[in-house]
């Protein structure tokens, strides 16, 4: 990792690849006409190799800004001609060119720095020293950057997955004061970057939405899709913005000239469905479906999966569309599906399965899905593994769940009995009791010594109120802290003196998020948050995985199994203060019985893995699991919740602030939110108070070029 304080402009003037030093010609580098002539020669280059030749011919005479133009030209060649960027990025002459620029970043103006950032993003060049140097310059000279420069810089760092919180805060504060100068493209780029980096800046997103409303008539299909995706990803309902985006999308979809590409269609379908901004008979979804059928052959597996996921989760009603897509999918060669990630296959198969009856080719596609996606996941979850191997294995499989229709197959494959969905009579009482639990008002209490597992009121306070779940933060898939499951169990053991000891469990178990100190990124490095001591080993040794940067060890399924293990430990007569760690090779316990879980949403792969581990360690205990689909669970709650019940109007601080912001899009920040934010943003945290200030004090980093990798290419 690059030191936080070791940036310093290097004084070297030689190439870093072992060649003879290049004699710098300051007079030539300051000759404007000569630099224009060199740029023209670079522009006239017939290919990337010719660009490198032109740079070599004028070595020492080309200014750093001209060298940026060369890198930019190379990036444009790769982008427009769709060339493989790997050989270019590894070429010795390209690395030498970047070494020179790295030493001269301080001489570049804002436009050149932006062009260099964009070029590195297009070429996917992630060498951290040059990115840290670019961040240093952006931080120090942010007031020199135009609105387009700010947006493109943010887009570039997000594309490279390089996040530095200090830089992003400075960039965002600068953008706040100049949003009125942002074009539609810049607004879309900036919002996309914030969402891609998962950088939470509610104030900026509030003002971007307001500015987007004023400039909606200038939005292209790409702008609509990227903006909708950004706000959906960040969980911002922003009803006024989504209504305007829907209207603009319909206008563009109904015009002859502009057309949505598959990526735009996929992002729109996913985004509007994620926050339930569209319904089964949505005019927007009808327009997306019509456009998709025209361009079906252009879809990638990821784009197809995202679009079908959105249509499916919006309960879109159009059997003829889905049947057409089923026929198209069945006609694709196996090589097409072999490129798909596991989660993409789950989304496609789940969306199309209800419409696939009567298509003989569907059985072949489903067999491929079962063989290549579900069964490898089941085998992996049942295999022995180290904690690190477990995490890495799940990430490589890229199958994060089995979906609403295939999780039952996955459970049966690994030996766990499936109890059915929320409509199954076997779980009807559990569903009723869990609904009653959700309908209880959350009433937090001060409990310094904690609380018992069966304390209903304390458990209910762990999850949000219904106003927050069903309105402010409503979405078709839940955050983990929205989930409470129903746990029931009957356990028994015969003690050494012949007595029969029985224990019963019948309770709701909420997710208990760990107490965290926060998450930060410096120089592209993620600093893991630190939990409380009791957060380190949840599940009594059960392995869990961090997938998509989300920890899974405090999911409700793991919490419930932990409570059962505690009871087993007590019944086995072991010391309750020592966590139970039963290795697979050790003798099994004496406790027998059954455990049943009903979850309002299908479990993730990590939680299914925890179920497998529990079943292996306690073979005398029968484990049975049922689940619903969260979107259906929301409708069950909708049917019973009284929106006028003020006891459920209690909101978390974040939910209250988001509600105020989203209700006042296009207006000033609400006074209550403004006062709360001043403690962290200071007096320059708001658009009407912001004055661009030249940044100083950004920690320095070393720009000494890394040892070049010798290549024969070019």
Foldseek 3Di string as FASTA:
>chain_A
DFDQFAFDQDPDQAFQAPDDGFAADVVLQPPVVNLVVLLVQLVPQPALVSLLVSCVVCPNNHHLLSLLSSLLSNLVRCVVVVDDLVCVLQAQSNLRSVLVNLNVVVVDALVSLLSNLLSCLSSLPQDLLSVVVSLVVCQQFVVRHDLQSLLSNLLSCLSNLFDAPSSVLQSLLNCQQPVLVDALVSLLSNLLSCLSNVPDDLQSLLQSLLSCLVRVVRDALVSLLSNLLSCQSNLFPLVVSVVSSLVSLVVQLPDDPGAHDLQSLLSVLQSCLFQLVAAQDGPSLVSSLVRCVVRVVVDALQSLLSNLLSNVSRNHDDLVSLLVVLVVVLPDDVVRVVPDALQSLLSNCVSNVVNCPPPVSVVVVVVCNCVLQLVVLLVLLLDDDDLVRNQVVCQVNRNWFNDQPCNCVSCVSNPAAEQEECVHPSCVVQLVVVLVLLQDFQDDDDDPPDDDQAPSNNQSNQAAFLCVDQPLRDTQADDLQNKKKWKWWWKWFQDPVGDIDIDIDTHIFGQHDFDWPDWGHRSSDTDDIDGDPVVPDQLLNQRFYQPPNRGDCRGRLSNNNSVVQLVLCVNQVHDSVDRDDQDLPDDATRMATEMEMEIADGDTSRSSSSVSVSCSRHVRYRYYYYYYRNNVVSVVSVVPDDPVPCSSVDDDPVSVLSVQSSVQRSDFRDPVVVVVCCVPCNQSNHNVRHDNDRRDDRRRTYSNRDNRDHDPDD
